Amino acid sequence: MPSDAEEKSEDKARGNGEWITIEFLQELLDGEEGVRVVEREVSDAVGAGDNYLSIMYQVRAVVENAKTGRREDRVFLVKGLPSAKILRDVVEDYGIFRKELYTYNVCLPAMKRIMEEYMPDEMDSFIAAGSYPCREPNVLALEDLKLSGYKMAHRRKQLDFRHTVVTLASLARFHALSVRLVKSMPEVTEVYLRDEFYSREKRHMVYPHVAKAVKSWLKVMQEDEAIRTLLPDVAKATKKSTDKMIRAVSHRDGSFTALTHGDSWTNNFMYRYDADGRVVHAKIVDFQLTRYSTPVLDLLFLFVTSTRPEVMAESFPELVAAYHKALISDMTKLRLDPDCFPSLEEIYAEIKARSISGIISMVIQTAVVVAKPSDAANFENVDAEEMEKSEDHILEKNFRDDYYKEVVFKYLKLFQEWGYLKSAEEMPVEDSNESSSPS
């Protein structure tokens, strides 16, 4: 029988948003004297396939000033646990929501104070949305960036060169701010080293997911004449992929290390445009998979899930250089020790050394990112044990999507050309009881 806390958690995960009451909204505004919430309207904030590890609502509240009687609209984004039990279990088992709450409640306010001290003229380009104090567990209340002119990009169309550069600049600022943050609050690193998805301690939980996805992907891609020519190299690169991923995402002494976003795909950013329609800034809107490791993991994830392969083929050196330039610029403004600045060559070396991260993200996450809304994976009635026993992977339909196969072929050709498949194949891994298995 579920506990009261579990029932309350499940209630907040239901897809109707009825739990977002006037009383709940009033608590969010407790800091504003003489303001009373009199009406509220709740609607879904994202569509099918746009978000998996949480459920998000747009909430319009009518608030009344007790002194003047004047009414005005307020808009919030309210984020709770995903409605599908299998995803909710993942979020709770890995401490995903706890980590995001810590990021919004502790780290981002501290980063904002750092910017106010070192970069006061650039506060309008802070990296994230503001949040409201919320006493409810497993619930976040955020400002709606749409009111400030921010828009989402089209995940299936992926990002052009300019959007990618702007996204990299925001990631670089997050990375740089985190380095300064860790100097004054070293304890934050422990939060982001705990509950890690890819960890030796939780390998037994991750292994079936990754191994099955890789096996299913290799089987499906046998049907594609173009990709089939690359499969021998991909199969060698993804052998023992779980252990390689654990090594790739781990913190290593001697490497440039920062807080990393961990899930840097299109829908986790919102973009602001100038009067001519040119993108000028990106804000990060999700921090569920933040970890303490090498920032190149964010670059690899962004490149293979969200940057158009044509842009990668034509401008990869320019993209990496743009990230490095933005990172060094911000670290300089934050008056960090130049001895800790990574060189451009070190960034390239880290990308190659951890290329397996890009390959696995390409196989699994890109299939989700570019999926048609009608093909979005539905986890609502999926049983974890049945899914584990099934011969078919839940993403097989996505693997067969023509556009997905088209972009993955282009990415893989680039990874082969740049030596990244070979680097992943040769990546050393620790021995484990299951290391002899293919994935």
Foldseek 3Di string as FASTA:
>chain_A
DDDPVVVVQLVCQDDPNPVCDQVQVCVLCVVPPQKGWDDKDKDFPDFFLLDDQKGKIKMWTWIARNPPRDIDIAIKIKIAGHNAPVSSCLCVLLVLLVLQCCCQPPVLVVLLVLCCVLPVVCSVQQAAFHWTDGPDPRMTITHDCVVVAWAFDQLQVFDEPQVLLQLLLSQLLQFLSQVVVCVVVVVSQVSQAGSAPQAPVCLVVCVLVLVLLVVLLLVLCCVPPLCVVVSVLLLLLCFLLSQLLSVLFDADPPAQKGWEQQQQGRSQKIFHADPVRRTDHIHGYGRRNIHIHHHVLNVLLHCLQGYFLVNCVVQVVVSLVSSLVSNVVSNVSSVHDPVSRDDSVSSVVSCLLSVSSSVSSLSPVNLSSNDDSVLHQDSRPPDPVVQSPDSHHSSSVSSPDPSSVVRSSSVSVVCVVVCSSVSSSPRDGDDDPCSVGGD
